[in-house]
C-alpha atoms as a PDB file:
ATOM      1  CA  MET A   1     117.475 124.881  80.548  1.00  0.00           C
ATOM      2  CA  ASN A   2     116.221 128.356  81.454  1.00  0.00           C
ATOM      3  CA  LYS A   3     113.469 129.037  83.975  1.00  0.00           C
ATOM      4  CA  ALA A   4     110.766 129.630  81.384  1.00  0.00           C
ATOM      5  CA  THR A   5     111.370 126.259  79.727  1.00  0.00           C
ATOM      6  CA  PHE A   6     111.443 124.489  83.083  1.00  0.00           C
ATOM      7  CA  VAL A   7     108.149 126.098  84.104  1.00  0.00           C
ATOM      8  CA  ALA A   8     106.619 125.023  80.799  1.00  0.00           C
ATOM      9  CA  TRP A   9     107.655 121.394  81.434  1.00  0.00           C
ATOM     10  CA  VAL A  10     106.279 121.505  84.989  1.00  0.00           C
ATOM     11  CA  ASP A  11     102.961 122.855  83.736  1.00  0.00           C
ATOM     12  CA  ALA A  12     102.822 120.204  81.000  1.00  0.00           C
ATOM     13  CA  VAL A  13     103.406 117.391  83.492  1.00  0.00           C
ATOM     14  CA  ALA A  14     100.737 118.853  85.796  1.00  0.00           C
ATOM     15  CA  PHE A  15      98.251 119.015  82.906  1.00  0.00           C
ATOM     16  CA  VAL A  16      98.925 115.388  81.928  1.00  0.00           C
ATOM     17  CA  ALA A  17      98.645 114.270  85.554  1.00  0.00           C
ATOM     18  CA  ILE A  18      95.314 116.019  86.163  1.00  0.00           C
ATOM     19  CA  SER A  19      93.892 114.683  82.872  1.00  0.00           C
ATOM     20  CA  LEU A  20      94.873 111.089  83.694  1.00  0.00           C
ATOM     21  CA  LEU A  21      93.690 111.586  87.264  1.00  0.00           C
ATOM     22  CA  ALA A  22      90.229 112.489  86.000  1.00  0.00           C
ATOM     23  CA  ALA A  23      90.269 109.535  83.579  1.00  0.00           C
ATOM     24  CA  THR A  24      91.288 106.940  86.182  1.00  0.00           C
ATOM     25  CA  GLY A  25      88.822 108.371  88.706  1.00  0.00           C
ATOM     26  CA  THR A  26      85.984 108.012  86.197  1.00  0.00           C
ATOM     27  CA  LEU A  27      87.157 104.479  85.369  1.00  0.00           C
ATOM     28  CA  ILE A  28      87.135 103.441  89.035  1.00  0.00           C
ATOM     29  CA  LYS A  29      83.757 105.065  89.670  1.00  0.00           C
ATOM     30  CA  LEU A  30      81.788 103.952  86.606  1.00  0.00           C
ATOM     31  CA  VAL A  31      83.555 101.064  84.854  1.00  0.00           C
ATOM     32  CA  LEU A  32      85.021  99.217  87.860  1.00  0.00           C
ATOM     33  CA  PRO A  33      82.575  99.908  90.728  1.00  0.00           C
ATOM     34  CA  PRO A  34      83.117  98.711  94.310  1.00  0.00           C
ATOM     35  CA  GLY A  35      83.015  94.933  94.597  1.00  0.00           C
ATOM     36  CA  SER A  36      84.263  94.300  91.049  1.00  0.00           C
ATOM     37  CA  GLY A  37      87.897  93.804  92.039  1.00  0.00           C
ATOM     38  CA  HIS A  38      87.792  90.015  91.800  1.00  0.00           C
ATOM     39  CA  PHE A  39      85.975  89.558  88.484  1.00  0.00           C
ATOM     40  CA  SER A  40      86.483  92.681  86.316  1.00  0.00           C
ATOM     41  CA  ALA A  41      89.630  94.178  84.812  1.00  0.00           C
ATOM     42  CA  VAL A  42      90.674  96.769  82.241  1.00  0.00           C
ATOM     43  CA  TRP A  43      93.993  96.243  80.458  1.00  0.00           C
ATOM     44  CA  GLY A  44      94.700  93.393  82.865  1.00  0.00           C
ATOM     45  CA  MET A  45      94.316  95.567  85.984  1.00  0.00           C
ATOM     46  CA  ASP A  46      91.426  95.368  88.458  1.00  0.00           C
ATOM     47  CA  ARG A  47      89.854  98.173  90.490  1.00  0.00           C
ATOM     48  CA  HIS A  48      92.477  98.032  93.228  1.00  0.00           C
ATOM     49  CA  GLN A  49      95.400  98.227  90.793  1.00  0.00           C
ATOM     50  CA  TRP A  50      93.811 101.167  88.990  1.00  0.00           C
ATOM     51  CA  GLY A  51      93.385 102.746  92.423  1.00  0.00           C
ATOM     52  CA  ASP A  52      97.152 102.511  92.902  1.00  0.00           C
ATOM     53  CA  VAL A  53      97.671 104.249  89.540  1.00  0.00           C
ATOM     54  CA  HIS A  54      95.168 106.925  90.559  1.00  0.00           C
ATOM     55  CA  PHE A  55      97.058 107.508  93.811  1.00  0.00           C
ATOM     56  CA  CYS A  56     100.427 107.801  92.041  1.00  0.00           C
ATOM     57  CA  LEU A  57      98.988 110.340  89.602  1.00  0.00           C
ATOM     58  CA  ALA A  58      97.648 112.354  92.544  1.00  0.00           C
ATOM     59  CA  LEU A  59     101.130 112.422  94.065  1.00  0.00           C
ATOM     60  CA  VAL A  60     102.624 113.597  90.750  1.00  0.00           C
ATOM     61  CA  LEU A  61     100.039 116.382  90.550  1.00  0.00           C
ATOM     62  CA  VAL A  62     100.691 117.530  94.118  1.00  0.00           C
ATOM     63  CA  VAL A  63     104.455 117.635  93.507  1.00  0.00           C
ATOM     64  CA  THR A  64     104.163 119.573  90.239  1.00  0.00           C
ATOM     65  CA  VAL A  65     101.752 122.093  91.754  1.00  0.00           C
ATOM     66  CA  ALA A  66     104.130 122.573  94.692  1.00  0.00           C
ATOM     67  CA  VAL A  67     107.045 123.128  92.296  1.00  0.00           C
ATOM     68  CA  HIS A  68     104.942 125.562  90.260  1.00  0.00           C
ATOM     69  CA  LEU A  69     104.077 127.599  93.365  1.00  0.00           C
ATOM     70  CA  PHE A  70     107.715 127.590  94.457  1.00  0.00           C
ATOM     71  CA  LEU A  71     108.833 128.955  91.086  1.00  0.00           C
ATOM     72  CA  HIS A  72     106.216 131.698  91.266  1.00  0.00           C
ATOM     73  CA  TRP A  73     106.492 132.379  94.984  1.00  0.00           C
ATOM     74  CA  ARG A  74     107.433 136.036  94.558  1.00  0.00           C
ATOM     75  CA  TRP A  75     104.358 136.618  92.433  1.00  0.00           C
ATOM     76  CA  VAL A  76     102.152 134.812  94.994  1.00  0.00           C
ATOM     77  CA  VAL A  77     103.518 136.919  97.859  1.00  0.00           C
ATOM     78  CA  ALA A  78     103.192 140.144  95.870  1.00  0.00           C
ATOM     79  CA  THR A  79      99.612 139.290  94.905  1.00  0.00           C
ATOM     80  CA  VAL A  80      98.597 138.475  98.467  1.00  0.00           C
ATOM     81  CA  ARG A  81     100.396 141.463  99.983  1.00  0.00           C
ATOM     82  CA  GLY A  82      99.371 143.997  97.361  1.00  0.00           C
ATOM     83  CA  ARG A  83      99.963 147.671  98.000  1.00  0.00           C
ATOM     84  CA  SER A  84     100.243 148.746 101.608  1.00  0.00           C
ATOM     85  CA  GLU A  85      97.666 151.458 101.276  1.00  0.00           C
ATOM     86  CA  VAL A  86      94.997 149.042 100.052  1.00  0.00           C
ATOM     87  CA  GLY A  87      94.904 146.978 103.250  1.00  0.00           C
ATOM     88  CA  SER A  88      97.525 144.303 102.784  1.00  0.00           C
ATOM     89  CA  THR A  89      97.314 143.165 106.431  1.00  0.00           C
ATOM     90  CA  ARG A  90      93.702 142.073 105.989  1.00  0.00           C
ATOM     91  CA  ARG A  91      94.472 140.199 102.761  1.00  0.00           C
ATOM     92  CA  ILE A  92      97.416 138.401 104.363  1.00  0.00           C
ATOM     93  CA  GLY A  93      95.214 137.436 107.310  1.00  0.00           C
ATOM     94  CA  LEU A  94      92.521 136.083 104.991  1.00  0.00           C
ATOM     95  CA  ALA A  95      95.128 134.151 103.022  1.00  0.00           C
ATOM     96  CA  VAL A  96      96.515 132.557 106.188  1.00  0.00           C
ATOM     97  CA  VAL A  97      93.023 131.640 107.431  1.00  0.00           C
ATOM     98  CA  GLY A  98      92.133 130.156 104.040  1.00  0.00           C
ATOM     99  CA  LEU A  99      95.337 128.127 104.005  1.00  0.00           C
ATOM    100  CA  LEU A 100      94.666 126.794 107.511  1.00  0.00           C
ATOM    101  CA  ILE A 101      91.106 125.828 106.533  1.00  0.00           C
ATOM    102  CA  LEU A 102      92.380 124.025 103.434  1.00  0.00           C
ATOM    103  CA  VAL A 103      94.991 122.109 105.427  1.00  0.00           C
ATOM    104  CA  GLY A 104      92.373 121.219 108.046  1.00  0.00           C
ATOM    105  CA  LEU A 105      89.946 119.900 105.428  1.00  0.00           C
ATOM    106  CA  ALA A 106      92.684 117.850 103.757  1.00  0.00           C
ATOM    107  CA  ALA A 107      93.853 116.342 107.064  1.00  0.00           C
ATOM    108  CA  SER A 108      90.429 115.759 108.682  1.00  0.00           C
ATOM    109  CA  PRO A 109      89.693 112.366 106.986  1.00  0.00           C
ATOM    110  CA  PHE A 110      92.979 110.991 108.316  1.00  0.00           C
ATOM    111  CA  LEU A 111      92.172 112.141 111.859  1.00  0.00           C
ATOM    112  CA  ALA A 112      88.594 110.823 111.923  1.00  0.00           C
ATOM    113  CA  ALA A 113      87.686 107.481 113.484  1.00  0.00           C
ATOM    114  CA  VAL A 114      87.210 104.564 111.074  1.00  0.00           C
ATOM    115  CA  GLU A 115      83.658 103.198 111.250  1.00  0.00           C
ATOM    116  CA  THR A 116      82.556  99.669 110.367  1.00  0.00           C
ATOM    117  CA  THR A 117      79.633  99.974 107.948  1.00  0.00           C
ATOM    118  CA  GLY A 118      79.414  96.442 106.547  1.00  0.00           C
ATOM    119  CA  ASP A 119      80.568  92.887 106.907  1.00  0.00           C
ATOM    120  CA  ALA A 120      84.255  92.660 107.669  1.00  0.00           C
ATOM    121  CA  PRO A 121      86.257  90.233 105.506  1.00  0.00           C
ATOM    122  CA  HIS A 122      87.021  87.623 108.167  1.00  0.00           C
ATOM    123  CA  ARG A 123      89.482  85.506 106.243  1.00  0.00           C
ATOM    124  CA  GLY A 124      89.602  82.768 108.839  1.00  0.00           C
ATOM    125  CA  ARG A 125      85.851  82.302 108.864  1.00  0.00           C
ATOM    126  CA  ALA A 126      85.681  82.309 105.081  1.00  0.00           C
ATOM    127  CA  ALA A 127      88.298  79.584 104.920  1.00  0.00           C
ATOM    128  CA  ARG A 128      86.297  77.435 107.324  1.00  0.00           C
ATOM    129  CA  TRP A 129      83.170  77.682 105.181  1.00  0.00           C
ATOM    130  CA  ASP A 130      85.138  76.361 102.221  1.00  0.00           C
ATOM    131  CA  GLU A 131      85.951  73.128 104.040  1.00  0.00           C
ATOM    132  CA  PRO A 132      83.806  70.039 103.354  1.00  0.00           C
ATOM    133  CA  MET A 133      80.960  69.846 105.831  1.00  0.00           C
ATOM    134  CA  ASP A 134      81.677  66.206 106.732  1.00  0.00           C
ATOM    135  CA  SER A 135      85.227  67.039 107.905  1.00  0.00           C
ATOM    136  CA  PRO A 136      85.280  70.382 109.733  1.00  0.00           C
ATOM    137  CA  PRO A 137      88.656  71.900 110.621  1.00  0.00           C
ATOM    138  CA  GLN A 138      90.029  71.238 114.056  1.00  0.00           C
ATOM    139  CA  GLY A 139      88.658  73.606 116.685  1.00  0.00           C
ATOM    140  CA  VAL A 140      85.579  74.725 114.753  1.00  0.00           C
ATOM    141  CA  GLY A 141      83.508  71.554 114.760  1.00  0.00           C
ATOM    142  CA  GLN A 142      81.456  72.745 117.696  1.00  0.00           C
ATOM    143  CA  THR A 143      80.432  75.920 115.879  1.00  0.00           C
ATOM    144  CA  THR A 144      79.528  73.971 112.737  1.00  0.00           C
ATOM    145  CA  ASP A 145      77.496  71.495 114.773  1.00  0.00           C
ATOM    146  CA  ARG A 146      75.529  74.299 116.400  1.00  0.00           C
ATOM    147  CA  ARG A 147      74.716  75.824 113.000  1.00  0.00           C
ATOM    148  CA  ASP A 148      73.691  72.474 111.542  1.00  0.00           C
ATOM    149  CA  GLU A 149      71.559  71.749 114.583  1.00  0.00           C
ATOM    150  CA  HIS A 150      69.944  75.153 114.164  1.00  0.00           C
ATOM    151  CA  HIS A 151      69.134  74.313 110.527  1.00  0.00           C
ATOM    152  CA  ALA A 152      67.808  70.883 111.398  1.00  0.00           C
ATOM    153  CA  ASN A 153      65.479  72.327 114.012  1.00  0.00           C
ATOM    154  CA  GLY A 154      63.873  74.595 111.448  1.00  0.00           C
ATOM    155  CA  GLY A 155      65.611  77.827 112.400  1.00  0.00           C
ATOM    156  CA  ALA A 156      66.477  80.621 110.009  1.00  0.00           C
ATOM    157  CA  PRO A 157      69.561  79.934 107.877  1.00  0.00           C
ATOM    158  CA  GLN A 158      72.791  81.162 109.448  1.00  0.00           C
ATOM    159  CA  ILE A 159      74.131  83.300 106.589  1.00  0.00           C
ATOM    160  CA  ASP A 160      76.687  86.083 106.869  1.00  0.00           C
ATOM    161  CA  GLY A 161      78.793  88.265 104.599  1.00  0.00           C
ATOM    162  CA  THR A 162      81.758  85.898 104.559  1.00  0.00           C
ATOM    163  CA  MET A 163      79.781  83.292 102.611  1.00  0.00           C
ATOM    164  CA  SER A 164      79.122  83.185  98.876  1.00  0.00           C
ATOM    165  CA  LEU A 165      75.884  82.282  97.107  1.00  0.00           C
ATOM    166  CA  ARG A 166      77.461  79.002  96.057  1.00  0.00           C
ATOM    167  CA  GLU A 167      78.161  78.175  99.697  1.00  0.00           C
ATOM    168  CA  VAL A 168      74.614  79.141 100.637  1.00  0.00           C
ATOM    169  CA  GLU A 169      73.326  76.847  97.892  1.00  0.00           C
ATOM    170  CA  ARG A 170      75.499  73.969  99.117  1.00  0.00           C
ATOM    171  CA  ARG A 171      74.456  74.385 102.735  1.00  0.00           C
ATOM    172  CA  THR A 172      70.741  75.070 102.286  1.00  0.00           C
ATOM    173  CA  GLY A 173      69.854  73.447  98.965  1.00  0.00           C
ATOM    174  CA  VAL A 174      68.374  76.723  97.659  1.00  0.00           C
ATOM    175  CA  SER A 175      69.599  77.478  94.145  1.00  0.00           C
ATOM    176  CA  ALA A 176      71.755  80.581  93.746  1.00  0.00           C
ATOM    177  CA  ALA A 177      69.730  81.413  90.613  1.00  0.00           C
ATOM    178  CA  VAL A 178      66.549  81.477  92.696  1.00  0.00           C
ATOM    179  CA  VAL A 179      68.118  83.820  95.235  1.00  0.00           C
ATOM    180  CA  LEU A 180      69.331  86.170  92.498  1.00  0.00           C
ATOM    181  CA  LYS A 181      65.884  86.235  90.889  1.00  0.00           C
ATOM    182  CA  GLU A 182      64.043  86.821  94.175  1.00  0.00           C
ATOM    183  CA  LEU A 183      66.354  89.688  95.132  1.00  0.00           C
ATOM    184  CA  GLY A 184      66.123  91.269  91.689  1.00  0.00           C
ATOM    185  CA  LEU A 185      69.847  90.855  91.009  1.00  0.00           C
ATOM    186  CA  PRO A 186      71.448  90.192  87.607  1.00  0.00           C
ATOM    187  CA  ALA A 187      71.452  86.531  86.632  1.00  0.00           C
ATOM    188  CA  ASP A 188      75.182  86.738  85.845  1.00  0.00           C
ATOM    189  CA  ALA A 189      76.138  88.095  89.270  1.00  0.00           C
ATOM    190  CA  PRO A 190      79.214  86.221  90.592  1.00  0.00           C
ATOM    191  CA  VAL A 191      78.006  83.400  92.837  1.00  0.00           C
ATOM    192  CA  ASP A 192      81.522  82.779  94.168  1.00  0.00           C
ATOM    193  CA  GLU A 193      81.931  86.354  95.464  1.00  0.00           C
ATOM    194  CA  ARG A 194      81.443  87.015  99.169  1.00  0.00           C
ATOM    195  CA  LEU A 195      77.990  88.248 100.103  1.00  0.00           C
ATOM    196  CA  GLY A 196      79.472  91.255 101.879  1.00  0.00           C
ATOM    197  CA  ARG A 197      81.026  92.469  98.635  1.00  0.00           C
ATOM    198  CA  LEU A 198      77.909  91.666  96.600  1.00  0.00           C
ATOM    199  CA  ARG A 199      75.775  93.602  99.072  1.00  0.00           C
ATOM    200  CA  LYS A 200      77.955  96.674  98.677  1.00  0.00           C
ATOM    201  CA  GLN A 201      77.840  96.396  94.887  1.00  0.00           C
ATOM    202  CA  TYR A 202      74.120  95.689  94.389  1.00  0.00           C
ATOM    203  CA  GLY A 203      72.644  97.169  97.575  1.00  0.00           C
ATOM    204  CA  PHE A 204      70.455  94.245  98.679  1.00  0.00           C
ATOM    205  CA  ASP A 205      69.587  93.552 102.319  1.00  0.00           C
ATOM    206  CA  MET A 206      71.101  90.540 104.088  1.00  0.00           C
ATOM    207  CA  HIS A 207      67.877  90.052 106.060  1.00  0.00           C
ATOM    208  CA  ALA A 208      65.919  89.855 102.802  1.00  0.00           C
ATOM    209  CA  LEU A 209      68.401  87.285 101.476  1.00  0.00           C
ATOM    210  CA  ARG A 210      67.927  85.128 104.585  1.00  0.00           C
ATOM    211  CA  GLU A 211      64.147  85.363 104.194  1.00  0.00           C
ATOM    212  CA  VAL A 212      64.403  84.217 100.555  1.00  0.00           C
ATOM    213  CA  VAL A 213      66.542  81.238 101.535  1.00  0.00           C
ATOM    214  CA  GLU A 214      64.226  80.339 104.423  1.00  0.00           C
ATOM    215  CA  LYS A 215      61.221  80.618 102.108  1.00  0.00           C
ATOM    216  CA  HIS A 216      62.612  78.195  99.510  1.00  0.00           C
ATOM    217  CA  GLN A 217      64.523  75.868 101.808  1.00  0.00           C
ATOM    218  CA  LYS A 218      62.990  72.407 101.970  1.00  0.00           C
ATOM    219  CA  PRO A 219      62.130  71.299 105.499  1.00  0.00           C
ATOM    220  CA  LYS A 220      64.427  68.604 106.835  1.00  0.00           C
ATOM    221  CA  PRO A 221      63.368  65.731 109.070  1.00  0.00           C
ATOM    222  CA  ARG A 222      63.912  66.515 112.720  1.00  0.00           C
ATOM    223  CA  GLY A 223      67.282  65.302 113.939  1.00  0.00           C
ATOM    224  CA  SER A 224      68.883  65.170 110.470  1.00  0.00           C
ATOM    225  CA  VAL A 225      72.137  67.028 109.871  1.00  0.00           C
ATOM    226  CA  GLN A 226      72.932  68.697 106.544  1.00  0.00           C
END
């Protein structure tokens, strides 16, 4: 295979990669939005699996572009350098500065601190909420008792992002359908999904959700435990 044919194949692979990269990016952004990973799929793959495909395509594109530049390196150098009498030193300096800026922009997200902007998926806590309320797991009974006592005394419902609407309904007696209607959410929203994920998908406020539950929760006799 001569150089021209090889370059043509490299360019073809790069074109396919960038086309599929745009397609998978649009799919992840519009068809499978954040929070849909547990209940939506396309061709049997959810948002996270399509994200893996998107990442692999990005790697293929980076490799093919690097190979393309390597095969045309003499042309790149000649273009940047130009003729000596036209001011090649300034062009080379600008090219180096531009390259350093590009590398800095590409690396900056990996060097930045990771911020917590929502409810963290505490797996242990979520597992505890799934246990029957009359038989709490060993070591967490005290916490459950405090929450139940708080409910019984008329306090605001203790709801966090690790719970689902079905769990809220079971603990408070407020229908998940009522909560969805009051918050202006779709009636077919997944009631078994964690509230943290639902909040990111639909943009509701956890404080507003607690107010809705408190508003519709039936008062319990003092001293009773849910």
